[in-house]
Protein backbone atom coordinates (compact mmCIF):
# COMPACT_ATOMS: atom_id res chain seq x y z
CA MET A 1 -22.75 -14.27 39.44
CA ALA A 2 -23.96 -16.22 36.41
CA ILE A 3 -24.36 -14.44 33.11
CA SER A 4 -26.64 -15.74 30.40
CA PRO A 5 -24.72 -15.96 27.14
CA PRO A 6 -25.84 -13.16 24.84
CA CYS A 7 -26.39 -13.68 21.16
CA TYR A 8 -26.70 -10.56 19.05
CA GLU A 9 -28.20 -10.11 15.60
CA PHE A 10 -27.88 -6.84 13.73
CA THR A 11 -29.45 -5.64 10.50
CA ALA A 12 -28.27 -2.66 8.49
CA SER A 13 -29.71 -1.18 5.32
CA THR A 14 -27.14 1.53 4.54
CA ALA A 15 -23.36 1.60 4.36
CA GLN A 16 -23.20 3.93 7.38
CA GLU A 17 -25.45 1.64 9.45
CA ALA A 18 -23.26 -1.33 8.50
CA LYS A 19 -20.11 0.49 9.62
CA ASN A 20 -21.80 1.54 12.87
CA LEU A 21 -22.95 -2.01 13.58
CA LEU A 22 -19.49 -3.44 12.91
CA GLN A 23 -18.08 -0.95 15.41
CA ALA A 24 -20.82 -1.84 17.92
CA ALA A 25 -19.99 -5.55 17.56
CA GLN A 26 -16.31 -4.79 18.18
CA ASN A 27 -17.22 -2.73 21.25
CA LEU A 28 -19.38 -5.57 22.62
CA LEU A 29 -16.54 -8.05 22.15
CA ASP A 30 -14.11 -5.70 23.90
CA ALA A 31 -16.53 -5.22 26.80
CA HIS A 32 -16.87 -8.97 27.26
CA MET A 33 -13.09 -9.40 27.18
CA VAL A 34 -12.83 -6.85 30.00
CA MET A 35 -15.09 -9.10 32.10
CA LEU A 36 -12.58 -11.95 31.62
CA ALA A 37 -9.54 -9.86 32.54
CA PRO A 38 -10.48 -6.52 34.11
CA GLY A 39 -7.69 -3.95 34.12
CA ASP A 40 -5.07 -6.06 32.31
CA GLY A 41 -4.76 -5.09 28.65
CA MET A 42 -1.94 -7.55 27.94
CA VAL A 43 -3.99 -10.49 29.23
CA ARG A 44 -7.00 -9.33 27.18
CA HIS A 45 -4.84 -9.19 24.06
CA ASP A 46 -3.88 -12.83 24.63
CA LEU A 47 -7.51 -13.74 25.39
CA LEU A 48 -8.62 -12.26 22.07
CA LYS A 49 -6.40 -14.77 20.30
CA ARG A 50 -7.66 -17.74 22.34
CA THR A 51 -11.34 -17.01 23.08
CA PRO A 52 -13.78 -18.71 20.69
CA VAL A 53 -16.70 -16.72 19.34
CA ALA A 54 -19.07 -17.24 16.41
CA LEU A 55 -19.45 -14.44 13.88
CA THR A 56 -21.24 -14.63 10.55
CA ILE A 57 -21.41 -11.66 8.21
CA HIS A 58 -23.61 -11.55 5.14
CA LEU A 59 -22.69 -8.46 3.12
CA ASP A 60 -24.78 -7.90 0.00
CA LEU A 61 -23.22 -5.27 -2.25
CA THR A 62 -25.45 -5.99 -5.25
CA GLN A 63 -26.90 -2.46 -5.37
CA VAL A 64 -23.52 -0.82 -4.89
CA VAL A 65 -21.93 -2.82 -7.72
CA GLY A 66 -24.97 -2.24 -9.93
CA THR A 67 -24.73 1.50 -9.41
CA ALA A 68 -20.96 1.43 -9.99
CA ASN A 69 -21.54 -0.40 -13.28
CA GLU A 70 -24.14 2.18 -14.34
CA VAL A 71 -21.77 5.06 -13.50
CA SER A 72 -18.96 3.35 -15.39
CA ALA A 73 -21.16 2.79 -18.45
CA LEU A 74 -22.37 6.40 -18.34
CA SER A 75 -18.81 7.63 -18.00
CA ARG A 76 -17.74 5.62 -21.05
CA THR A 77 -20.70 7.05 -23.01
CA VAL A 78 -19.78 10.63 -22.07
CA ASP A 79 -16.11 10.03 -22.97
CA LEU A 80 -17.04 8.84 -26.48
């Protein structure tokens, strides 16, 4: 049985979506490792260390840091 190699691309726009997508990516990787060594957790653990994959993450926290800076500045103003 030949399997076409899957390539996944995810997009998230909230922190919760980002966390969910990271978990989904981990679950997909685990599922594919099971195909390489069904039923043998020790072998899969070794395969995780040796199996090449490509993963690129672009995490833009510009809005989070901007908001944190605003809160910090407001806090300093209130404390004066």
